[in-house]
């Protein structure tokens, strides 16, 4: 995938924390290997050749949509595009651990005290909510073999965000979205607590602020209803 992007002379854009962590880490390893272990890169390129793919050259970057908006497009430019400020909406960010701590370098934020999501919230008129679990694991990697523990982790984060006054969780990771939204009814049963906190993908939140309709964003198809969130925004 990296080599395909290089063939187009373009960076590789991701919209998933896990994709960013995995592909970004591979890119870092291969760039390091070009200097320290060129035989390894040659071996990789031999496999690519069998797939009729251009060789890996280490000439591009792997970048999550969040980093592209914050680092490349810029928050000032985003602010100029906001036509429906999300005033009064309390947003709790959930970064996804792969986005923050898998790669060796994170040029756009602090991996332990990030602010990129919260800065985007402010830019689109929303209020950032801080809570302990915002930089931790959602539990998805455990869900296939330790489901109860996975749901306990997810439930802890959701309860913390609710206690801090969040109207919604906002994540840049579809896998976090799955564990926190689509499995939230099951999570509630495991922890024995009522939940019902809406979860948005980061791109949905930005799109709302720049005027995209909730229907077009599929907000009526979430497992946890987004009606309370949309009502607060006047939809």
Protein backbone atom coordinates (compact mmCIF):
# COMPACT_ATOMS: atom_id res chain seq x y z
CA UNK A 1 0.00 0.00 0.00
CA UNK A 2 2.84 2.40 0.78
CA UNK A 3 4.51 1.59 -2.53
CA UNK A 4 1.25 2.19 -4.39
CA UNK A 5 1.05 5.66 -2.85
CA UNK A 6 4.68 6.30 -3.75
CA UNK A 7 3.96 5.38 -7.36
CA UNK A 8 1.42 8.22 -7.40
CA UNK A 9 3.90 10.56 -5.67
CA UNK A 10 1.36 11.10 -2.90
CA UNK A 11 1.24 10.63 0.89
CA UNK A 12 -0.90 7.74 2.14
CA UNK A 13 -3.93 9.09 4.01
CA UNK A 14 -5.59 6.95 6.69
CA UNK A 15 -8.78 7.53 8.66
CA UNK A 16 -8.22 4.75 11.19
CA UNK A 17 -5.96 4.86 14.24
CA UNK A 18 -5.07 1.19 13.86
CA UNK A 19 -4.25 1.54 10.15
CA UNK A 20 -2.10 4.56 10.96
CA UNK A 21 -0.26 2.72 13.72
CA UNK A 22 0.37 -0.44 11.72
CA UNK A 23 1.20 1.07 8.31
CA UNK A 24 3.04 4.03 9.83
CA UNK A 25 5.18 1.71 11.95
CA UNK A 26 5.98 -0.46 8.92
CA UNK A 27 7.02 2.67 7.01
CA UNK A 28 9.32 3.69 9.87
CA UNK A 29 10.89 0.21 10.01
CA UNK A 30 11.49 0.10 6.28
CA UNK A 31 12.98 3.60 6.17
CA UNK A 32 15.34 2.61 8.97
CA UNK A 33 16.18 -0.63 7.17
CA UNK A 34 17.14 1.26 4.00
CA UNK A 35 20.10 2.61 5.97
CA UNK A 36 20.85 -0.28 8.32
CA UNK A 37 19.60 -3.43 6.60
CA UNK A 38 19.14 -2.90 2.83
CA UNK A 39 18.88 -6.66 2.26
CA UNK A 40 15.61 -6.63 4.21
CA UNK A 41 14.16 -3.92 1.95
CA UNK A 42 15.33 -5.90 -1.08
CA UNK A 43 13.50 -8.95 0.23
CA UNK A 44 10.30 -6.89 0.66
CA UNK A 45 10.65 -5.48 -2.85
CA UNK A 46 11.06 -8.97 -4.28
CA UNK A 47 7.63 -9.82 -2.88
CA UNK A 48 6.22 -6.59 -4.34
CA UNK A 49 7.67 -7.44 -7.73
CA UNK A 50 5.82 -10.76 -7.69
CA UNK A 51 2.61 -8.76 -7.19
CA UNK A 52 3.57 -6.51 -10.14
CA UNK A 53 3.90 -3.57 -7.76
CA UNK A 54 6.41 -0.74 -7.79
CA UNK A 55 9.25 -1.15 -5.25
CA UNK A 56 9.16 0.48 -1.83
CA UNK A 57 11.42 3.53 -1.91
CA UNK A 58 10.75 5.33 1.39
CA UNK A 59 9.80 8.58 -0.32
CA UNK A 60 6.35 9.26 1.09
CA UNK A 61 4.58 9.63 4.44
CA UNK A 62 1.71 7.80 6.12
CA UNK A 63 -0.64 10.33 7.65
CA UNK A 64 -3.94 10.09 9.52
CA UNK A 65 -6.76 12.44 8.53
CA UNK A 66 -6.50 14.12 11.95
CA UNK A 67 -2.83 14.95 11.39
CA UNK A 68 -3.56 16.10 7.83
CA UNK A 69 -6.20 18.56 9.04
CA UNK A 70 -4.20 19.83 12.01
CA UNK A 71 -0.73 19.76 10.45
CA UNK A 72 -1.32 20.38 6.75
CA UNK A 73 -4.69 22.01 6.16
CA UNK A 74 -4.54 24.01 9.39
CA UNK A 75 -7.08 24.94 12.04
CA UNK A 76 -7.41 28.50 10.72
CA UNK A 77 -8.49 27.17 7.34
CA UNK A 78 -10.89 24.76 9.01
CA UNK A 79 -12.40 27.60 11.06
CA UNK A 80 -13.06 29.53 7.85
CA UNK A 81 -15.12 26.58 6.53
CA UNK A 82 -17.36 26.26 9.61
CA UNK A 83 -20.90 27.35 8.72
CA UNK A 84 -22.72 25.60 11.56
CA UNK A 85 -20.70 25.98 14.78
CA UNK A 86 -21.28 23.10 17.21
CA UNK A 87 -21.89 25.53 20.06
CA UNK A 88 -22.62 24.00 23.44
CA UNK A 89 -21.71 20.46 22.40
CA UNK A 90 -19.46 18.74 24.94
CA UNK A 91 -17.13 16.37 23.09
CA UNK A 92 -14.93 13.73 24.73
CA UNK A 93 -12.09 12.66 22.46
CA UNK A 94 -11.01 9.04 22.22
CA UNK A 95 -7.76 8.87 20.26
CA UNK A 96 -7.14 5.15 20.02
CA UNK A 97 -3.85 3.83 21.37
CA UNK A 98 -2.49 2.85 17.94
CA UNK A 99 -2.64 6.45 16.76
CA UNK A 100 -0.57 7.76 19.65
CA UNK A 101 2.04 5.22 20.69
CA UNK A 102 2.82 2.67 17.96
CA UNK A 103 5.11 4.85 15.87
CA UNK A 104 8.47 6.01 17.20
CA UNK A 105 7.84 9.61 16.20
CA UNK A 106 4.64 11.64 16.41
CA UNK A 107 5.41 15.05 14.90
CA UNK A 108 1.89 16.45 15.28
CA UNK A 109 1.15 15.89 18.95
CA UNK A 110 2.31 14.64 22.34
CA UNK A 111 1.57 10.88 22.56
CA UNK A 112 0.81 11.06 26.28
CA UNK A 113 -0.90 14.46 26.52
CA UNK A 114 -2.40 15.00 23.05
CA UNK A 115 -4.45 18.07 22.16
CA UNK A 116 -5.17 17.67 18.44
CA UNK A 117 -8.73 16.42 18.83
CA UNK A 118 -9.51 18.97 21.51
CA UNK A 119 -8.12 21.77 19.33
CA UNK A 120 -10.38 20.63 16.49
CA UNK A 121 -13.35 20.62 18.88
CA UNK A 122 -12.64 24.22 19.81
CA UNK A 123 -12.19 25.19 16.17
CA UNK A 124 -15.66 23.90 15.23
CA UNK A 125 -17.25 25.56 18.26
CA UNK A 126 -17.57 22.56 20.58
CA UNK A 127 -16.30 22.18 24.14
CA UNK A 128 -13.57 19.59 24.82
CA UNK A 129 -14.14 17.22 27.73
CA UNK A 130 -11.08 15.76 29.47
CA UNK A 131 -11.18 12.39 31.21
CA UNK A 132 -8.67 9.68 32.04
CA UNK A 133 -9.52 7.16 29.34
CA UNK A 134 -9.18 9.44 26.31
CA UNK A 135 -5.66 8.15 25.48
CA UNK A 136 -6.18 4.52 26.52
CA UNK A 137 -7.20 1.35 24.69
CA UNK A 138 -10.88 0.87 23.81
CA UNK A 139 -10.59 -2.88 24.38
CA UNK A 140 -11.13 -3.91 20.75
CA UNK A 141 -7.89 -5.96 20.48
CA UNK A 142 -9.13 -8.14 23.36
CA UNK A 143 -12.68 -8.58 22.12
CA UNK A 144 -12.18 -11.83 20.19
CA UNK A 145 -10.71 -13.80 23.10
CA UNK A 146 -11.46 -11.84 26.30
CA UNK A 147 -14.81 -10.27 25.54
CA UNK A 148 -15.81 -9.53 29.12
CA UNK A 149 -12.55 -7.74 29.87
CA UNK A 150 -12.84 -5.84 26.57
CA UNK A 151 -16.34 -4.63 27.40
CA UNK A 152 -15.28 -3.72 30.93
CA UNK A 153 -12.55 -1.49 29.49
CA UNK A 154 -14.97 0.15 27.06
CA UNK A 155 -17.57 0.63 29.80
CA UNK A 156 -15.05 2.29 32.10
CA UNK A 157 -14.14 4.86 29.45
CA UNK A 158 -17.76 5.57 28.55
CA UNK A 159 -18.74 6.06 32.20
CA UNK A 160 -15.77 8.38 32.77
CA UNK A 161 -16.75 10.51 29.77
CA UNK A 162 -20.38 10.66 30.91
CA UNK A 163 -19.33 11.65 34.43
CA UNK A 164 -17.22 14.46 32.95
CA UNK A 165 -20.28 15.85 31.17
CA UNK A 166 -19.76 14.57 27.63
CA UNK A 167 -22.61 14.69 25.13
CA UNK A 168 -20.70 12.32 22.86
CA UNK A 169 -17.46 10.46 22.30
CA UNK A 170 -15.48 11.40 19.19
CA UNK A 171 -12.88 9.00 17.84
CA UNK A 172 -10.60 8.99 14.77
CA UNK A 173 -10.63 5.16 14.77
CA UNK A 174 -13.39 2.93 13.27
CA UNK A 175 -12.36 0.00 15.49
CA UNK A 176 -12.74 2.15 18.61
CA UNK A 177 -16.07 3.24 17.15
CA UNK A 178 -17.14 -0.40 16.86
CA UNK A 179 -16.32 -1.25 20.47
CA UNK A 180 -17.71 1.97 21.92
CA UNK A 181 -20.84 2.34 19.75
CA UNK A 182 -21.97 -0.87 18.07
CA UNK A 183 -21.20 -2.94 21.15
CA UNK A 184 -22.32 -0.40 23.71
CA UNK A 185 -25.60 -2.26 24.50
CA UNK A 186 -23.56 -5.39 25.24
CA UNK A 187 -21.05 -3.32 27.23
CA UNK A 188 -23.90 -1.94 29.34
CA UNK A 189 -25.05 -5.48 30.18
CA UNK A 190 -21.55 -6.56 31.20
CA UNK A 191 -20.96 -3.61 33.53
CA UNK A 192 -24.57 -3.51 34.75
CA UNK A 193 -25.02 0.20 34.02
CA UNK A 194 -27.21 2.22 31.68
CA UNK A 195 -25.11 4.03 29.07
CA UNK A 196 -26.48 5.49 25.82
CA UNK A 197 -23.59 7.85 24.98
CA UNK A 198 -23.46 8.65 21.23
CA UNK A 199 -20.17 8.01 19.42
CA UNK A 200 -19.05 9.90 16.31
CA UNK A 201 -16.14 9.35 14.00
CA UNK A 202 -13.94 12.44 13.93
CA UNK A 203 -14.79 13.06 10.26
CA UNK A 204 -18.53 13.11 11.05
CA UNK A 205 -18.05 15.83 13.65
CA UNK A 206 -16.04 18.03 11.27
CA UNK A 207 -18.55 17.41 8.48
CA UNK A 208 -21.46 18.54 10.67
CA UNK A 209 -19.66 21.81 11.36
CA UNK A 210 -19.00 22.51 7.68
CA UNK A 211 -22.64 21.97 6.77
CA UNK A 212 -23.06 18.32 5.80
CA UNK A 213 -26.48 16.98 6.79
CA UNK A 214 -26.81 14.32 9.51
CA UNK A 215 -28.64 12.01 7.08
CA UNK A 216 -25.80 12.15 4.58
CA UNK A 217 -23.38 11.27 7.38
CA UNK A 218 -25.41 8.21 8.37
CA UNK A 219 -26.01 9.44 11.91
CA UNK A 220 -29.40 7.73 11.88
CA UNK A 221 -27.66 4.36 11.47
CA UNK A 222 -25.54 4.35 14.60
CA UNK A 223 -26.29 1.70 17.21
CA UNK A 224 -26.44 4.29 20.00
CA UNK A 225 -28.94 6.94 18.95
CA UNK A 226 -27.51 10.34 18.05
CA UNK A 227 -30.88 12.10 18.50
CA UNK A 228 -29.90 13.74 21.80
CA UNK A 229 -26.75 15.15 20.23
CA UNK A 230 -28.56 16.46 17.15
CA UNK A 231 -31.33 17.96 19.26
CA UNK A 232 -28.77 19.91 21.26
CA UNK A 233 -27.35 21.25 17.99
CA UNK A 234 -30.79 22.30 16.76
CA UNK A 235 -31.31 19.72 14.03
